[in-house]
């Protein structure tokens, strides 16, 4: 474990590197544009540890504020594709989809959420959510980080790389610079 991870764990005991017990409600959030293997890992983990999973999907207005370096399908398309995956995995009846207008969504005020599943890149945002919750006298959420899913070239799978035609949704390399 790196020194940074070790310090984060010492400062915030809610960051867990191992799979915790089943939680009544787990939350995840993202743009969910072109649902790919990385999104599936995030959701697999959330449904593995949560009875119910609240899935925050960024609104079209919020996506514009993120200044993504590529086109993003509109909210209705992203939600429909996400629901297709949830239906195929028999998770739809265990999920609640909410529209996100900011990076925090209901996680900063909803007392029924028990844990957040996040990528290692977004642990700082999850820790900020917990600080915001404490200020509101809400209990902190358990933070369950996952590693990013590497593509065939060992770089993380991302919608940006998929949209640029570099990899497919499974992480297979489609184009290499020579």
C-alpha atoms as a PDB file:
ATOM      1  CA  UNK A   1       0.000   0.000   0.000  1.00  0.00           C
ATOM      2  CA  UNK A   2       1.368   3.441  -0.826  1.00  0.00           C
ATOM      3  CA  UNK A   3       2.098   6.016   1.841  1.00  0.00           C
ATOM      4  CA  UNK A   4      -0.754   8.180   0.556  1.00  0.00           C
ATOM      5  CA  UNK A   5      -3.260   5.306   0.721  1.00  0.00           C
ATOM      6  CA  UNK A   6      -2.015   4.402   4.175  1.00  0.00           C
ATOM      7  CA  UNK A   7      -2.393   7.986   5.395  1.00  0.00           C
ATOM      8  CA  UNK A   8      -5.877   8.249   3.864  1.00  0.00           C
ATOM      9  CA  UNK A   9      -6.892   5.058   5.644  1.00  0.00           C
ATOM     10  CA  UNK A  10      -5.514   6.333   8.953  1.00  0.00           C
ATOM     11  CA  UNK A  11      -7.255   9.696   8.619  1.00  0.00           C
ATOM     12  CA  UNK A  12     -10.551   8.329   7.333  1.00  0.00           C
ATOM     13  CA  UNK A  13     -11.427   4.909   8.633  1.00  0.00           C
ATOM     14  CA  UNK A  14     -14.393   4.751   6.275  1.00  0.00           C
ATOM     15  CA  UNK A  15     -12.097   4.098   3.284  1.00  0.00           C
ATOM     16  CA  UNK A  16     -12.032   0.326   2.880  1.00  0.00           C
ATOM     17  CA  UNK A  17      -9.660  -1.601   0.638  1.00  0.00           C
ATOM     18  CA  UNK A  18     -11.459  -4.904   1.211  1.00  0.00           C
ATOM     19  CA  UNK A  19     -14.996  -5.893   0.289  1.00  0.00           C
ATOM     20  CA  UNK A  20     -17.276  -4.956   3.192  1.00  0.00           C
ATOM     21  CA  UNK A  21     -20.470  -6.645   4.289  1.00  0.00           C
ATOM     22  CA  UNK A  22     -23.744  -6.099   2.459  1.00  0.00           C
ATOM     23  CA  UNK A  23     -25.093  -2.556   2.873  1.00  0.00           C
ATOM     24  CA  UNK A  24     -28.805  -1.698   2.576  1.00  0.00           C
ATOM     25  CA  UNK A  25     -28.116   1.214   0.167  1.00  0.00           C
ATOM     26  CA  UNK A  26     -24.947   1.861  -1.870  1.00  0.00           C
ATOM     27  CA  UNK A  27     -24.487   4.800  -4.245  1.00  0.00           C
ATOM     28  CA  UNK A  28     -22.411   5.317  -7.394  1.00  0.00           C
ATOM     29  CA  UNK A  29     -22.309   8.203  -9.810  1.00  0.00           C
ATOM     30  CA  UNK A  30     -21.070   9.024 -13.273  1.00  0.00           C
ATOM     31  CA  UNK A  31     -21.854  10.150 -16.779  1.00  0.00           C
ATOM     32  CA  UNK A  32     -22.387   6.570 -18.002  1.00  0.00           C
ATOM     33  CA  UNK A  33     -21.788   7.580 -21.608  1.00  0.00           C
ATOM     34  CA  UNK A  34     -21.138   4.492 -23.757  1.00  0.00           C
ATOM     35  CA  UNK A  35     -21.434   2.008 -20.887  1.00  0.00           C
ATOM     36  CA  UNK A  36     -18.160   0.037 -20.907  1.00  0.00           C
ATOM     37  CA  UNK A  37     -16.216  -2.564 -18.936  1.00  0.00           C
ATOM     38  CA  UNK A  38     -15.114   0.031 -16.360  1.00  0.00           C
ATOM     39  CA  UNK A  39     -18.718   1.073 -15.703  1.00  0.00           C
ATOM     40  CA  UNK A  40     -19.654  -2.592 -15.362  1.00  0.00           C
ATOM     41  CA  UNK A  41     -16.923  -3.135 -12.738  1.00  0.00           C
ATOM     42  CA  UNK A  42     -18.207  -0.147 -10.766  1.00  0.00           C
ATOM     43  CA  UNK A  43     -21.756  -1.494 -10.895  1.00  0.00           C
ATOM     44  CA  UNK A  44     -20.678  -5.113 -10.239  1.00  0.00           C
ATOM     45  CA  UNK A  45     -19.002  -3.967  -7.032  1.00  0.00           C
ATOM     46  CA  UNK A  46     -21.953  -1.821  -5.975  1.00  0.00           C
ATOM     47  CA  UNK A  47     -24.468  -4.639  -6.500  1.00  0.00           C
ATOM     48  CA  UNK A  48     -22.122  -7.146  -4.836  1.00  0.00           C
ATOM     49  CA  UNK A  49     -22.060  -5.123  -1.596  1.00  0.00           C
ATOM     50  CA  UNK A  50     -25.437  -3.368  -1.733  1.00  0.00           C
ATOM     51  CA  UNK A  51     -28.999  -4.562  -1.439  1.00  0.00           C
ATOM     52  CA  UNK A  52     -30.153  -1.461  -3.337  1.00  0.00           C
ATOM     53  CA  UNK A  53     -27.925   0.704  -5.525  1.00  0.00           C
ATOM     54  CA  UNK A  54     -28.617   4.380  -6.126  1.00  0.00           C
ATOM     55  CA  UNK A  55     -27.058   5.286  -9.477  1.00  0.00           C
ATOM     56  CA  UNK A  56     -26.476   8.960 -10.124  1.00  0.00           C
ATOM     57  CA  UNK A  57     -26.317   9.842 -13.810  1.00  0.00           C
ATOM     58  CA  UNK A  58     -25.103  13.313 -14.770  1.00  0.00           C
ATOM     59  CA  UNK A  59     -27.727  15.563 -16.309  1.00  0.00           C
ATOM     60  CA  UNK A  60     -27.151  17.143 -19.710  1.00  0.00           C
ATOM     61  CA  UNK A  61     -26.662  20.512 -17.983  1.00  0.00           C
ATOM     62  CA  UNK A  62     -24.044  19.095 -15.604  1.00  0.00           C
ATOM     63  CA  UNK A  63     -22.229  17.312 -18.472  1.00  0.00           C
ATOM     64  CA  UNK A  64     -21.763  20.694 -20.201  1.00  0.00           C
ATOM     65  CA  UNK A  65     -20.092  22.044 -17.030  1.00  0.00           C
ATOM     66  CA  UNK A  66     -17.654  19.096 -17.066  1.00  0.00           C
ATOM     67  CA  UNK A  67     -16.228  20.193 -20.452  1.00  0.00           C
ATOM     68  CA  UNK A  68     -15.721  16.625 -21.676  1.00  0.00           C
ATOM     69  CA  UNK A  69     -13.280  16.434 -24.615  1.00  0.00           C
ATOM     70  CA  UNK A  70     -15.839  14.518 -26.684  1.00  0.00           C
ATOM     71  CA  UNK A  71     -19.514  14.330 -27.555  1.00  0.00           C
ATOM     72  CA  UNK A  72     -21.734  12.849 -24.832  1.00  0.00           C
ATOM     73  CA  UNK A  73     -25.070  11.189 -25.593  1.00  0.00           C
ATOM     74  CA  UNK A  74     -28.044  12.968 -24.058  1.00  0.00           C
ATOM     75  CA  UNK A  75     -29.393  11.922 -20.668  1.00  0.00           C
ATOM     76  CA  UNK A  76     -32.291   9.895 -22.065  1.00  0.00           C
ATOM     77  CA  UNK A  77     -29.977   7.746 -24.213  1.00  0.00           C
ATOM     78  CA  UNK A  78     -27.492   7.234 -21.358  1.00  0.00           C
ATOM     79  CA  UNK A  79     -30.272   6.300 -18.936  1.00  0.00           C
ATOM     80  CA  UNK A  80     -31.858   3.906 -21.475  1.00  0.00           C
ATOM     81  CA  UNK A  81     -28.523   2.128 -22.118  1.00  0.00           C
ATOM     82  CA  UNK A  82     -27.860   1.883 -18.386  1.00  0.00           C
ATOM     83  CA  UNK A  83     -31.313   0.389 -17.816  1.00  0.00           C
ATOM     84  CA  UNK A  84     -30.640  -2.191 -20.554  1.00  0.00           C
ATOM     85  CA  UNK A  85     -27.532  -3.331 -18.658  1.00  0.00           C
ATOM     86  CA  UNK A  86     -29.408  -3.368 -15.342  1.00  0.00           C
ATOM     87  CA  UNK A  87     -32.205  -5.439 -16.911  1.00  0.00           C
ATOM     88  CA  UNK A  88     -29.732  -7.941 -18.454  1.00  0.00           C
ATOM     89  CA  UNK A  89     -28.059  -8.411 -15.056  1.00  0.00           C
ATOM     90  CA  UNK A  90     -31.397  -8.640 -13.201  1.00  0.00           C
ATOM     91  CA  UNK A  91     -30.503  -5.539 -11.207  1.00  0.00           C
ATOM     92  CA  UNK A  92     -33.196  -3.123 -12.361  1.00  0.00           C
ATOM     93  CA  UNK A  93     -35.491  -3.911  -9.421  1.00  0.00           C
ATOM     94  CA  UNK A  94     -32.587  -3.279  -7.011  1.00  0.00           C
ATOM     95  CA  UNK A  95     -31.638   0.083  -8.512  1.00  0.00           C
ATOM     96  CA  UNK A  96     -32.723   3.691  -8.161  1.00  0.00           C
ATOM     97  CA  UNK A  97     -31.556   6.048 -10.916  1.00  0.00           C
ATOM     98  CA  UNK A  98     -31.244   9.711 -10.004  1.00  0.00           C
ATOM     99  CA  UNK A  99     -30.238  12.667 -12.149  1.00  0.00           C
ATOM    100  CA  UNK A 100     -27.090  14.442 -10.935  1.00  0.00           C
ATOM    101  CA  UNK A 101     -26.871  18.219 -11.241  1.00  0.00           C
ATOM    102  CA  UNK A 102     -23.566  18.405  -9.316  1.00  0.00           C
ATOM    103  CA  UNK A 103     -20.736  16.077  -8.184  1.00  0.00           C
ATOM    104  CA  UNK A 104     -22.465  15.223  -4.886  1.00  0.00           C
ATOM    105  CA  UNK A 105     -26.101  14.492  -5.668  1.00  0.00           C
ATOM    106  CA  UNK A 106     -28.192  13.025  -2.874  1.00  0.00           C
ATOM    107  CA  UNK A 107     -25.073  11.653  -1.131  1.00  0.00           C
ATOM    108  CA  UNK A 108     -24.648  14.912   0.825  1.00  0.00           C
ATOM    109  CA  UNK A 109     -28.152  14.895   2.277  1.00  0.00           C
ATOM    110  CA  UNK A 110     -29.671  11.414   2.018  1.00  0.00           C
ATOM    111  CA  UNK A 111     -29.366   9.573   5.322  1.00  0.00           C
ATOM    112  CA  UNK A 112     -30.411   6.211   3.855  1.00  0.00           C
ATOM    113  CA  UNK A 113     -27.189   5.816   1.839  1.00  0.00           C
ATOM    114  CA  UNK A 114     -24.621   3.633   3.613  1.00  0.00           C
ATOM    115  CA  UNK A 115     -21.676   3.460   1.198  1.00  0.00           C
ATOM    116  CA  UNK A 116     -20.195   4.977  -1.952  1.00  0.00           C
ATOM    117  CA  UNK A 117     -18.397   2.879  -4.554  1.00  0.00           C
ATOM    118  CA  UNK A 118     -15.900   5.089  -6.379  1.00  0.00           C
ATOM    119  CA  UNK A 119     -12.816   4.807  -8.536  1.00  0.00           C
ATOM    120  CA  UNK A 120      -9.470   5.560  -6.910  1.00  0.00           C
ATOM    121  CA  UNK A 121      -9.496   8.831  -8.879  1.00  0.00           C
ATOM    122  CA  UNK A 122     -12.689   9.987  -7.157  1.00  0.00           C
ATOM    123  CA  UNK A 123     -11.854   9.037  -3.551  1.00  0.00           C
ATOM    124  CA  UNK A 124     -11.102  12.751  -2.783  1.00  0.00           C
ATOM    125  CA  UNK A 125     -14.646  13.696  -3.882  1.00  0.00           C
ATOM    126  CA  UNK A 126     -16.088  10.920  -1.697  1.00  0.00           C
ATOM    127  CA  UNK A 127     -14.048  12.219   1.256  1.00  0.00           C
ATOM    128  CA  UNK A 128     -15.374  15.737   0.561  1.00  0.00           C
ATOM    129  CA  UNK A 129     -18.914  14.323   0.558  1.00  0.00           C
ATOM    130  CA  UNK A 130     -18.240  12.870   4.008  1.00  0.00           C
ATOM    131  CA  UNK A 131     -16.967  16.229   5.300  1.00  0.00           C
ATOM    132  CA  UNK A 132     -20.125  17.885   3.933  1.00  0.00           C
ATOM    133  CA  UNK A 133     -22.264  15.197   5.588  1.00  0.00           C
ATOM    134  CA  UNK A 134     -20.546  15.711   8.955  1.00  0.00           C
ATOM    135  CA  UNK A 135     -21.267  19.457   8.763  1.00  0.00           C
ATOM    136  CA  UNK A 136     -24.943  18.515   8.339  1.00  0.00           C
ATOM    137  CA  UNK A 137     -24.732  16.086  11.290  1.00  0.00           C
ATOM    138  CA  UNK A 138     -25.123  13.071   8.987  1.00  0.00           C
ATOM    139  CA  UNK A 139     -23.049   9.943   9.513  1.00  0.00           C
ATOM    140  CA  UNK A 140     -20.152   9.508   7.075  1.00  0.00           C
ATOM    141  CA  UNK A 141     -20.502   7.005   4.250  1.00  0.00           C
ATOM    142  CA  UNK A 142     -18.281   3.953   3.867  1.00  0.00           C
ATOM    143  CA  UNK A 143     -16.039   4.595   0.868  1.00  0.00           C
ATOM    144  CA  UNK A 144     -15.286   1.564  -1.291  1.00  0.00           C
ATOM    145  CA  UNK A 145     -12.685   2.385  -3.971  1.00  0.00           C
ATOM    146  CA  UNK A 146     -12.131   0.251  -7.050  1.00  0.00           C
ATOM    147  CA  UNK A 147      -9.193   0.312  -9.422  1.00  0.00           C
ATOM    148  CA  UNK A 148      -9.698   1.548 -12.961  1.00  0.00           C
ATOM    149  CA  UNK A 149     -10.067  -1.251 -15.510  1.00  0.00           C
ATOM    150  CA  UNK A 150      -7.083  -1.408 -17.843  1.00  0.00           C
ATOM    151  CA  UNK A 151      -7.499  -1.779 -21.574  1.00  0.00           C
ATOM    152  CA  UNK A 152      -5.384  -4.197 -23.620  1.00  0.00           C
ATOM    153  CA  UNK A 153      -2.610  -1.560 -23.689  1.00  0.00           C
ATOM    154  CA  UNK A 154      -2.633  -1.290 -19.851  1.00  0.00           C
ATOM    155  CA  UNK A 155      -4.083   2.241 -19.915  1.00  0.00           C
ATOM    156  CA  UNK A 156      -7.478   2.774 -18.238  1.00  0.00           C
ATOM    157  CA  UNK A 157     -10.630   2.175 -20.251  1.00  0.00           C
ATOM    158  CA  UNK A 158     -12.479   5.466 -20.698  1.00  0.00           C
ATOM    159  CA  UNK A 159     -15.289   6.822 -22.813  1.00  0.00           C
ATOM    160  CA  UNK A 160     -12.871   9.424 -24.179  1.00  0.00           C
ATOM    161  CA  UNK A 161     -10.603   6.701 -25.585  1.00  0.00           C
ATOM    162  CA  UNK A 162     -13.627   4.819 -26.960  1.00  0.00           C
ATOM    163  CA  UNK A 163     -15.058   7.954 -28.624  1.00  0.00           C
ATOM    164  CA  UNK A 164     -11.655   8.676 -30.167  1.00  0.00           C
ATOM    165  CA  UNK A 165     -11.620   5.193 -31.719  1.00  0.00           C
ATOM    166  CA  UNK A 166      -8.572   4.042 -29.749  1.00  0.00           C
ATOM    167  CA  UNK A 167     -10.290   1.147 -27.915  1.00  0.00           C
ATOM    168  CA  UNK A 168     -13.668  -0.575 -27.824  1.00  0.00           C
ATOM    169  CA  UNK A 169     -16.001  -0.891 -24.814  1.00  0.00           C
ATOM    170  CA  UNK A 170     -14.167  -4.032 -23.692  1.00  0.00           C
ATOM    171  CA  UNK A 171     -10.753  -2.338 -23.797  1.00  0.00           C
ATOM    172  CA  UNK A 172      -9.438  -3.938 -26.988  1.00  0.00           C
ATOM    173  CA  UNK A 173      -7.044  -1.673 -28.858  1.00  0.00           C
ATOM    174  CA  UNK A 174      -8.455  -0.545 -32.205  1.00  0.00           C
ATOM    175  CA  UNK A 175      -5.914   2.052 -33.225  1.00  0.00           C
ATOM    176  CA  UNK A 176      -2.310   2.689 -32.235  1.00  0.00           C
ATOM    177  CA  UNK A 177      -0.111   5.626 -33.049  1.00  0.00           C
ATOM    178  CA  UNK A 178       3.016   4.594 -34.939  1.00  0.00           C
END
